[in-house]
Amino acid sequence: MTSFWIKIFALTFAIGVATGLVQA
């Protein structure tokens, strides 16, 4: 269960970082 959600966490984290850089 944890391994499954880690993959989704990683996907979300990557998109979040990419979109967050624009704010600065």
mmCIF file of all heavy atoms, coordinates in Angstrom:
data_MODEL
# 
_entry.id   MODEL 
# 
loop_
_atom_site.group_PDB 
_atom_site.id 
_atom_site.type_symbol 
_atom_site.label_atom_id 
_atom_site.label_alt_id 
_atom_site.label_comp_id 
_atom_site.label_asym_id 
_atom_site.label_entity_id 
_atom_site.label_seq_id 
_atom_site.pdbx_PDB_ins_code 
_atom_site.Cartn_x 
_atom_site.Cartn_y 
_atom_site.Cartn_z 
_atom_site.occupancy 
_atom_site.B_iso_or_equiv 
_atom_site.pdbx_formal_charge 
_atom_site.auth_seq_id 
_atom_site.auth_comp_id 
_atom_site.auth_asym_id 
_atom_site.auth_atom_id 
_atom_site.pdbx_PDB_model_num 
ATOM 1   N N   . MET A 1 1  ? 0.831  -1.198 0.000   1.00 0.00 ? 1  MET A N   1 
ATOM 2   C CA  . MET A 1 1  ? 0.000  0.000  0.000   1.00 0.00 ? 1  MET A CA  1 
ATOM 3   C C   . MET A 1 1  ? 0.867  1.249  0.000   1.00 0.00 ? 1  MET A C   1 
ATOM 4   O O   . MET A 1 1  ? 0.634  2.195  -0.777  1.00 0.00 ? 1  MET A O   1 
ATOM 5   C CB  . MET A 1 1  ? -0.908 -0.018 1.237   1.00 0.00 ? 1  MET A CB  1 
ATOM 6   C CG  . MET A 1 1  ? -1.974 1.065  1.261   1.00 0.00 ? 1  MET A CG  1 
ATOM 7   S SD  . MET A 1 1  ? -2.764 1.199  2.885   1.00 0.00 ? 1  MET A SD  1 
ATOM 8   C CE  . MET A 1 1  ? -3.141 -0.509 3.237   1.00 0.00 ? 1  MET A CE  1 
ATOM 9   N N   . THR A 1 2  ? 1.886  1.271  0.860   1.00 0.00 ? 2  THR A N   1 
ATOM 10  C CA  . THR A 1 2  ? 2.785  2.418  0.930   1.00 0.00 ? 2  THR A CA  1 
ATOM 11  C C   . THR A 1 2  ? 3.541  2.608  -0.377  1.00 0.00 ? 2  THR A C   1 
ATOM 12  O O   . THR A 1 2  ? 3.664  3.731  -0.878  1.00 0.00 ? 2  THR A O   1 
ATOM 13  C CB  . THR A 1 2  ? 3.787  2.239  2.088   1.00 0.00 ? 2  THR A CB  1 
ATOM 14  O OG1 . THR A 1 2  ? 3.080  1.959  3.299   1.00 0.00 ? 2  THR A OG1 1 
ATOM 15  C CG2 . THR A 1 2  ? 4.636  3.483  2.272   1.00 0.00 ? 2  THR A CG2 1 
ATOM 16  N N   . SER A 1 3  ? 4.043  1.504  -0.962  1.00 0.00 ? 3  SER A N   1 
ATOM 17  C CA  . SER A 1 3  ? 4.774  1.585  -2.230  1.00 0.00 ? 3  SER A CA  1 
ATOM 18  C C   . SER A 1 3  ? 3.903  2.165  -3.338  1.00 0.00 ? 3  SER A C   1 
ATOM 19  O O   . SER A 1 3  ? 4.363  2.972  -4.157  1.00 0.00 ? 3  SER A O   1 
ATOM 20  C CB  . SER A 1 3  ? 5.272  0.197  -2.638  1.00 0.00 ? 3  SER A CB  1 
ATOM 21  O OG  . SER A 1 3  ? 6.166  -0.327 -1.691  1.00 0.00 ? 3  SER A OG  1 
ATOM 22  N N   . PHE A 1 4  ? 2.652  1.767  -3.357  1.00 0.00 ? 4  PHE A N   1 
ATOM 23  C CA  . PHE A 1 4  ? 1.723  2.264  -4.372  1.00 0.00 ? 4  PHE A CA  1 
ATOM 24  C C   . PHE A 1 4  ? 1.534  3.776  -4.242  1.00 0.00 ? 4  PHE A C   1 
ATOM 25  O O   . PHE A 1 4  ? 1.630  4.521  -5.228  1.00 0.00 ? 4  PHE A O   1 
ATOM 26  C CB  . PHE A 1 4  ? 0.381  1.533  -4.215  1.00 0.00 ? 4  PHE A CB  1 
ATOM 27  C CG  . PHE A 1 4  ? -0.733 2.128  -5.026  1.00 0.00 ? 4  PHE A CG  1 
ATOM 28  C CD1 . PHE A 1 4  ? -0.788 1.950  -6.396  1.00 0.00 ? 4  PHE A CD1 1 
ATOM 29  C CD2 . PHE A 1 4  ? -1.751 2.862  -4.422  1.00 0.00 ? 4  PHE A CD2 1 
ATOM 30  C CE1 . PHE A 1 4  ? -1.812 2.499  -7.149  1.00 0.00 ? 4  PHE A CE1 1 
ATOM 31  C CE2 . PHE A 1 4  ? -2.785 3.415  -5.158  1.00 0.00 ? 4  PHE A CE2 1 
ATOM 32  C CZ  . PHE A 1 4  ? -2.811 3.225  -6.528  1.00 0.00 ? 4  PHE A CZ  1 
ATOM 33  N N   . TRP A 1 5  ? 1.323  4.256  -3.024  1.00 0.00 ? 5  TRP A N   1 
ATOM 34  C CA  . TRP A 1 5  ? 1.059  5.680  -2.838  1.00 0.00 ? 5  TRP A CA  1 
ATOM 35  C C   . TRP A 1 5  ? 2.330  6.523  -2.956  1.00 0.00 ? 5  TRP A C   1 
ATOM 36  O O   . TRP A 1 5  ? 2.253  7.709  -3.264  1.00 0.00 ? 5  TRP A O   1 
ATOM 37  C CB  . TRP A 1 5  ? 0.359  5.917  -1.502  1.00 0.00 ? 5  TRP A CB  1 
ATOM 38  C CG  . TRP A 1 5  ? -1.086 5.544  -1.571  1.00 0.00 ? 5  TRP A CG  1 
ATOM 39  C CD1 . TRP A 1 5  ? -1.695 4.453  -1.036  1.00 0.00 ? 5  TRP A CD1 1 
ATOM 40  C CD2 . TRP A 1 5  ? -2.112 6.264  -2.271  1.00 0.00 ? 5  TRP A CD2 1 
ATOM 41  N NE1 . TRP A 1 5  ? -3.025 4.436  -1.355  1.00 0.00 ? 5  TRP A NE1 1 
ATOM 42  C CE2 . TRP A 1 5  ? -3.316 5.539  -2.110  1.00 0.00 ? 5  TRP A CE2 1 
ATOM 43  C CE3 . TRP A 1 5  ? -2.123 7.434  -3.019  1.00 0.00 ? 5  TRP A CE3 1 
ATOM 44  C CZ2 . TRP A 1 5  ? -4.510 5.957  -2.661  1.00 0.00 ? 5  TRP A CZ2 1 
ATOM 45  C CZ3 . TRP A 1 5  ? -3.320 7.860  -3.574  1.00 0.00 ? 5  TRP A CZ3 1 
ATOM 46  C CH2 . TRP A 1 5  ? -4.502 7.127  -3.396  1.00 0.00 ? 5  TRP A CH2 1 
ATOM 47  N N   . ILE A 1 6  ? 3.503  5.908  -2.733  1.00 0.00 ? 6  ILE A N   1 
ATOM 48  C CA  . ILE A 1 6  ? 4.752  6.636  -2.940  1.00 0.00 ? 6  ILE A CA  1 
ATOM 49  C C   . ILE A 1 6  ? 4.892  7.035  -4.408  1.00 0.00 ? 6  ILE A C   1 
ATOM 50  O O   . ILE A 1 6  ? 5.350  8.147  -4.734  1.00 0.00 ? 6  ILE A O   1 
ATOM 51  C CB  . ILE A 1 6  ? 5.962  5.788  -2.488  1.00 0.00 ? 6  ILE A CB  1 
ATOM 52  C CG1 . ILE A 1 6  ? 6.071  5.805  -0.954  1.00 0.00 ? 6  ILE A CG1 1 
ATOM 53  C CG2 . ILE A 1 6  ? 7.262  6.295  -3.107  1.00 0.00 ? 6  ILE A CG2 1 
ATOM 54  C CD1 . ILE A 1 6  ? 7.162  4.907  -0.407  1.00 0.00 ? 6  ILE A CD1 1 
ATOM 55  N N   . LYS A 1 7  ? 4.484  6.164  -5.324  1.00 0.00 ? 7  LYS A N   1 
ATOM 56  C CA  . LYS A 1 7  ? 4.572  6.475  -6.754  1.00 0.00 ? 7  LYS A CA  1 
ATOM 57  C C   . LYS A 1 7  ? 3.675  7.666  -7.103  1.00 0.00 ? 7  LYS A C   1 
ATOM 58  O O   . LYS A 1 7  ? 4.071  8.552  -7.868  1.00 0.00 ? 7  LYS A O   1 
ATOM 59  C CB  . LYS A 1 7  ? 4.169  5.252  -7.576  1.00 0.00 ? 7  LYS A CB  1 
ATOM 60  C CG  . LYS A 1 7  ? 5.098  4.067  -7.406  1.00 0.00 ? 7  LYS A CG  1 
ATOM 61  C CD  . LYS A 1 7  ? 4.554  2.836  -8.113  1.00 0.00 ? 7  LYS A CD  1 
ATOM 62  C CE  . LYS A 1 7  ? 5.433  1.622  -7.842  1.00 0.00 ? 7  LYS A CE  1 
ATOM 63  N NZ  . LYS A 1 7  ? 4.867  0.398  -8.441  1.00 0.00 ? 7  LYS A NZ  1 
ATOM 64  N N   . ILE A 1 8  ? 2.488  7.697  -6.543  1.00 0.00 ? 8  ILE A N   1 
ATOM 65  C CA  . ILE A 1 8  ? 1.581  8.821  -6.798  1.00 0.00 ? 8  ILE A CA  1 
ATOM 66  C C   . ILE A 1 8  ? 2.102  10.093 -6.133  1.00 0.00 ? 8  ILE A C   1 
ATOM 67  O O   . ILE A 1 8  ? 2.011  11.191 -6.698  1.00 0.00 ? 8  ILE A O   1 
ATOM 68  C CB  . ILE A 1 8  ? 0.164  8.472  -6.315  1.00 0.00 ? 8  ILE A CB  1 
ATOM 69  C CG1 . ILE A 1 8  ? -0.401 7.311  -7.156  1.00 0.00 ? 8  ILE A CG1 1 
ATOM 70  C CG2 . ILE A 1 8  ? -0.760 9.686  -6.380  1.00 0.00 ? 8  ILE A CG2 1 
ATOM 71  C CD1 . ILE A 1 8  ? -1.766 6.842  -6.754  1.00 0.00 ? 8  ILE A CD1 1 
ATOM 72  N N   . PHE A 1 9  ? 2.685  9.953  -4.957  1.00 0.00 ? 9  PHE A N   1 
ATOM 73  C CA  . PHE A 1 9  ? 3.296  11.095 -4.276  1.00 0.00 ? 9  PHE A CA  1 
ATOM 74  C C   . PHE A 1 9  ? 4.407  11.695 -5.138  1.00 0.00 ? 9  PHE A C   1 
ATOM 75  O O   . PHE A 1 9  ? 4.507  12.924 -5.284  1.00 0.00 ? 9  PHE A O   1 
ATOM 76  C CB  . PHE A 1 9  ? 3.860  10.658 -2.919  1.00 0.00 ? 9  PHE A CB  1 
ATOM 77  C CG  . PHE A 1 9  ? 4.615  11.732 -2.191  1.00 0.00 ? 9  PHE A CG  1 
ATOM 78  C CD1 . PHE A 1 9  ? 3.960  12.597 -1.328  1.00 0.00 ? 9  PHE A CD1 1 
ATOM 79  C CD2 . PHE A 1 9  ? 5.982  11.880 -2.370  1.00 0.00 ? 9  PHE A CD2 1 
ATOM 80  C CE1 . PHE A 1 9  ? 4.653  13.599 -0.656  1.00 0.00 ? 9  PHE A CE1 1 
ATOM 81  C CE2 . PHE A 1 9  ? 6.685  12.874 -1.708  1.00 0.00 ? 9  PHE A CE2 1 
ATOM 82  C CZ  . PHE A 1 9  ? 6.023  13.733 -0.846  1.00 0.00 ? 9  PHE A CZ  1 
ATOM 83  N N   . ALA A 1 10 ? 5.256  10.832 -5.719  1.00 0.00 ? 10 ALA A N   1 
ATOM 84  C CA  . ALA A 1 10 ? 6.368  11.310 -6.540  1.00 0.00 ? 10 ALA A CA  1 
ATOM 85  C C   . ALA A 1 10 ? 5.867  12.070 -7.767  1.00 0.00 ? 10 ALA A C   1 
ATOM 86  O O   . ALA A 1 10 ? 6.421  13.115 -8.137  1.00 0.00 ? 10 ALA A O   1 
ATOM 87  C CB  . ALA A 1 10 ? 7.241  10.134 -6.969  1.00 0.00 ? 10 ALA A CB  1 
ATOM 88  N N   . LEU A 1 11 ? 4.831  11.548 -8.403  1.00 0.00 ? 11 LEU A N   1 
ATOM 89  C CA  . LEU A 1 11 ? 4.254  12.219 -9.568  1.00 0.00 ? 11 LEU A CA  1 
ATOM 90  C C   . LEU A 1 11 ? 3.724  13.597 -9.183  1.00 0.00 ? 11 LEU A C   1 
ATOM 91  O O   . LEU A 1 11 ? 3.978  14.602 -9.870  1.00 0.00 ? 11 LEU A O   1 
ATOM 92  C CB  . LEU A 1 11 ? 3.125  11.356 -10.155 1.00 0.00 ? 11 LEU A CB  1 
ATOM 93  C CG  . LEU A 1 11 ? 2.280  11.981 -11.256 1.00 0.00 ? 11 LEU A CG  1 
ATOM 94  C CD1 . LEU A 1 11 ? 3.139  12.286 -12.475 1.00 0.00 ? 11 LEU A CD1 1 
ATOM 95  C CD2 . LEU A 1 11 ? 1.120  11.058 -11.629 1.00 0.00 ? 11 LEU A CD2 1 
ATOM 96  N N   . THR A 1 12 ? 3.018  13.671 -8.088  1.00 0.00 ? 12 THR A N   1 
ATOM 97  C CA  . THR A 1 12 ? 2.445  14.944 -7.631  1.00 0.00 ? 12 THR A CA  1 
ATOM 98  C C   . THR A 1 12 ? 3.539  15.924 -7.229  1.00 0.00 ? 12 THR A C   1 
ATOM 99  O O   . THR A 1 12 ? 3.466  17.119 -7.544  1.00 0.00 ? 12 THR A O   1 
ATOM 100 C CB  . THR A 1 12 ? 1.509  14.696 -6.435  1.00 0.00 ? 12 THR A CB  1 
ATOM 101 O OG1 . THR A 1 12 ? 0.576  13.668 -6.764  1.00 0.00 ? 12 THR A OG1 1 
ATOM 102 C CG2 . THR A 1 12 ? 0.757  15.953 -6.067  1.00 0.00 ? 12 THR A CG2 1 
ATOM 103 N N   . PHE A 1 13 ? 4.552  15.423 -6.551  1.00 0.00 ? 13 PHE A N   1 
ATOM 104 C CA  . PHE A 1 13 ? 5.662  16.267 -6.107  1.00 0.00 ? 13 PHE A CA  1 
ATOM 105 C C   . PHE A 1 13 ? 6.363  16.909 -7.306  1.00 0.00 ? 13 PHE A C   1 
ATOM 106 O O   . PHE A 1 13 ? 6.674  18.111 -7.290  1.00 0.00 ? 13 PHE A O   1 
ATOM 107 C CB  . PHE A 1 13 ? 6.655  15.431 -5.298  1.00 0.00 ? 13 PHE A CB  1 
ATOM 108 C CG  . PHE A 1 13 ? 7.861  16.186 -4.828  1.00 0.00 ? 13 PHE A CG  1 
ATOM 109 C CD1 . PHE A 1 13 ? 7.799  16.984 -3.695  1.00 0.00 ? 13 PHE A CD1 1 
ATOM 110 C CD2 . PHE A 1 13 ? 9.061  16.102 -5.523  1.00 0.00 ? 13 PHE A CD2 1 
ATOM 111 C CE1 . PHE A 1 13 ? 8.910  17.686 -3.260  1.00 0.00 ? 13 PHE A CE1 1 
ATOM 112 C CE2 . PHE A 1 13 ? 10.177 16.807 -5.099  1.00 0.00 ? 13 PHE A CE2 1 
ATOM 113 C CZ  . PHE A 1 13 ? 10.107 17.593 -3.967  1.00 0.00 ? 13 PHE A CZ  1 
ATOM 114 N N   . ALA A 1 14 ? 6.592  16.131 -8.362  1.00 0.00 ? 14 ALA A N   1 
ATOM 115 C CA  . ALA A 1 14 ? 7.289  16.637 -9.542  1.00 0.00 ? 14 ALA A CA  1 
ATOM 116 C C   . ALA A 1 14 ? 6.505  17.766 -10.213 1.00 0.00 ? 14 ALA A C   1 
ATOM 117 O O   . ALA A 1 14 ? 7.075  18.810 -10.554 1.00 0.00 ? 14 ALA A O   1 
ATOM 118 C CB  . ALA A 1 14 ? 7.534  15.495 -10.530 1.00 0.00 ? 14 ALA A CB  1 
ATOM 119 N N   . ILE A 1 15 ? 5.219  17.563 -10.393 1.00 0.00 ? 15 ILE A N   1 
ATOM 120 C CA  . ILE A 1 15 ? 4.397  18.596 -11.027 1.00 0.00 ? 15 ILE A CA  1 
ATOM 121 C C   . ILE A 1 15 ? 4.310  19.826 -10.127 1.00 0.00 ? 15 ILE A C   1 
ATOM 122 O O   . ILE A 1 15 ? 4.352  20.976 -10.585 1.00 0.00 ? 15 ILE A O   1 
ATOM 123 C CB  . ILE A 1 15 ? 2.981  18.064 -11.322 1.00 0.00 ? 15 ILE A CB  1 
ATOM 124 C CG1 . ILE A 1 15 ? 3.036  16.879 -12.287 1.00 0.00 ? 15 ILE A CG1 1 
ATOM 125 C CG2 . ILE A 1 15 ? 2.108  19.167 -11.906 1.00 0.00 ? 15 ILE A CG2 1 
ATOM 126 C CD1 . ILE A 1 15 ? 3.376  17.229 -13.700 1.00 0.00 ? 15 ILE A CD1 1 
ATOM 127 N N   . GLY A 1 16 ? 4.216  19.608 -8.822  1.00 0.00 ? 16 GLY A N   1 
ATOM 128 C CA  . GLY A 1 16 ? 4.126  20.725 -7.884  1.00 0.00 ? 16 GLY A CA  1 
ATOM 129 C C   . GLY A 1 16 ? 5.363  21.603 -7.896  1.00 0.00 ? 16 GLY A C   1 
ATOM 130 O O   . GLY A 1 16 ? 5.265  22.838 -7.875  1.00 0.00 ? 16 GLY A O   1 
ATOM 131 N N   . VAL A 1 17 ? 6.545  20.986 -7.941  1.00 0.00 ? 17 VAL A N   1 
ATOM 132 C CA  . VAL A 1 17 ? 7.788  21.763 -7.985  1.00 0.00 ? 17 VAL A CA  1 
ATOM 133 C C   . VAL A 1 17 ? 7.868  22.558 -9.284  1.00 0.00 ? 17 VAL A C   1 
ATOM 134 O O   . VAL A 1 17 ? 8.220  23.741 -9.293  1.00 0.00 ? 17 VAL A O   1 
ATOM 135 C CB  . VAL A 1 17 ? 9.007  20.831 -7.840  1.00 0.00 ? 17 VAL A CB  1 
ATOM 136 C CG1 . VAL A 1 17 ? 10.294 21.589 -8.140  1.00 0.00 ? 17 VAL A CG1 1 
ATOM 137 C CG2 . VAL A 1 17 ? 9.060  20.248 -6.432  1.00 0.00 ? 17 VAL A CG2 1 
ATOM 138 N N   . ALA A 1 18 ? 7.534  21.920 -10.395 1.00 0.00 ? 18 ALA A N   1 
ATOM 139 C CA  . ALA A 1 18 ? 7.615  22.588 -11.700 1.00 0.00 ? 18 ALA A CA  1 
ATOM 140 C C   . ALA A 1 18 ? 6.708  23.809 -11.763 1.00 0.00 ? 18 ALA A C   1 
ATOM 141 O O   . ALA A 1 18 ? 7.099  24.871 -12.270 1.00 0.00 ? 18 ALA A O   1 
ATOM 142 C CB  . ALA A 1 18 ? 7.254  21.597 -12.809 1.00 0.00 ? 18 ALA A CB  1 
ATOM 143 N N   . THR A 1 19 ? 5.500  23.688 -11.246 1.00 0.00 ? 19 THR A N   1 
ATOM 144 C CA  . THR A 1 19 ? 4.561  24.817 -11.296 1.00 0.00 ? 19 THR A CA  1 
ATOM 145 C C   . THR A 1 19 ? 4.883  25.866 -10.241 1.00 0.00 ? 19 THR A C   1 
ATOM 146 O O   . THR A 1 19 ? 4.582  27.052 -10.431 1.00 0.00 ? 19 THR A O   1 
ATOM 147 C CB  . THR A 1 19 ? 3.118  24.327 -11.097 1.00 0.00 ? 19 THR A CB  1 
ATOM 148 O OG1 . THR A 1 19 ? 3.028  23.586 -9.862  1.00 0.00 ? 19 THR A OG1 1 
ATOM 149 C CG2 . THR A 1 19 ? 2.696  23.413 -12.246 1.00 0.00 ? 19 THR A CG2 1 
ATOM 150 N N   . GLY A 1 20 ? 5.502  25.458 -9.145  1.00 0.00 ? 20 GLY A N   1 
ATOM 151 C CA  . GLY A 1 20 ? 5.809  26.408 -8.080  1.00 0.00 ? 20 GLY A CA  1 
ATOM 152 C C   . GLY A 1 20 ? 6.927  27.372 -8.436  1.00 0.00 ? 20 GLY A C   1 
ATOM 153 O O   . GLY A 1 20 ? 6.967  28.508 -7.943  1.00 0.00 ? 20 GLY A O   1 
ATOM 154 N N   . LEU A 1 21 ? 7.864  26.942 -9.302  1.00 0.00 ? 21 LEU A N   1 
ATOM 155 C CA  . LEU A 1 21 ? 8.984  27.807 -9.669  1.00 0.00 ? 21 LEU A CA  1 
ATOM 156 C C   . LEU A 1 21 ? 8.524  29.080 -10.367 1.00 0.00 ? 21 LEU A C   1 
ATOM 157 O O   . LEU A 1 21 ? 9.195  30.109 -10.313 1.00 0.00 ? 21 LEU A O   1 
ATOM 158 C CB  . LEU A 1 21 ? 9.955  27.031 -10.580 1.00 0.00 ? 21 LEU A CB  1 
ATOM 159 C CG  . LEU A 1 21 ? 10.737 25.896 -9.908  1.00 0.00 ? 21 LEU A CG  1 
ATOM 160 C CD1 . LEU A 1 21 ? 11.524 25.109 -10.947 1.00 0.00 ? 21 LEU A CD1 1 
ATOM 161 C CD2 . LEU A 1 21 ? 11.670 26.434 -8.835  1.00 0.00 ? 21 LEU A CD2 1 
ATOM 162 N N   . VAL A 1 22 ? 7.376  29.012 -11.025 1.00 0.00 ? 22 VAL A N   1 
ATOM 163 C CA  . VAL A 1 22 ? 6.872  30.169 -11.765 1.00 0.00 ? 22 VAL A CA  1 
ATOM 164 C C   . VAL A 1 22 ? 6.577  31.332 -10.826 1.00 0.00 ? 22 VAL A C   1 
ATOM 165 O O   . VAL A 1 22 ? 6.736  32.508 -11.202 1.00 0.00 ? 22 VAL A O   1 
ATOM 166 C CB  . VAL A 1 22 ? 5.608  29.786 -12.563 1.00 0.00 ? 22 VAL A CB  1 
ATOM 167 C CG1 . VAL A 1 22 ? 5.045  30.982 -13.317 1.00 0.00 ? 22 VAL A CG1 1 
ATOM 168 C CG2 . VAL A 1 22 ? 5.912  28.640 -13.517 1.00 0.00 ? 22 VAL A CG2 1 
ATOM 169 N N   . GLN A 1 23 ? 6.158  31.031 -9.595  1.00 0.00 ? 23 GLN A N   1 
ATOM 170 C CA  . GLN A 1 23 ? 5.717  32.087 -8.679  1.00 0.00 ? 23 GLN A CA  1 
ATOM 171 C C   . GLN A 1 23 ? 6.823  33.080 -8.369  1.00 0.00 ? 23 GLN A C   1 
ATOM 172 O O   . GLN A 1 23 ? 6.588  34.293 -8.286  1.00 0.00 ? 23 GLN A O   1 
ATOM 173 C CB  . GLN A 1 23 ? 5.194  31.477 -7.369  1.00 0.00 ? 23 GLN A CB  1 
ATOM 174 C CG  . GLN A 1 23 ? 4.202  30.338 -7.536  1.00 0.00 ? 23 GLN A CG  1 
ATOM 175 C CD  . GLN A 1 23 ? 3.066  30.691 -8.461  1.00 0.00 ? 23 GLN A CD  1 
ATOM 176 O OE1 . GLN A 1 23 ? 2.518  31.775 -8.394  1.00 0.00 ? 23 GLN A OE1 1 
ATOM 177 N NE2 . GLN A 1 23 ? 2.715  29.771 -9.348  1.00 0.00 ? 23 GLN A NE2 1 
ATOM 178 N N   . ALA A 1 24 ? 8.052  32.557 -8.196  1.00 0.00 ? 24 ALA A N   1 
ATOM 179 C CA  . ALA A 1 24 ? 9.168  33.445 -7.850  1.00 0.00 ? 24 ALA A CA  1 
ATOM 180 C C   . ALA A 1 24 ? 9.411  34.470 -8.949  1.00 0.00 ? 24 ALA A C   1 
ATOM 181 O O   . ALA A 1 24 ? 9.702  35.644 -8.674  1.00 0.00 ? 24 ALA A O   1 
ATOM 182 C CB  . ALA A 1 24 ? 10.423 32.616 -7.607  1.00 0.00 ? 24 ALA A CB  1 
# 
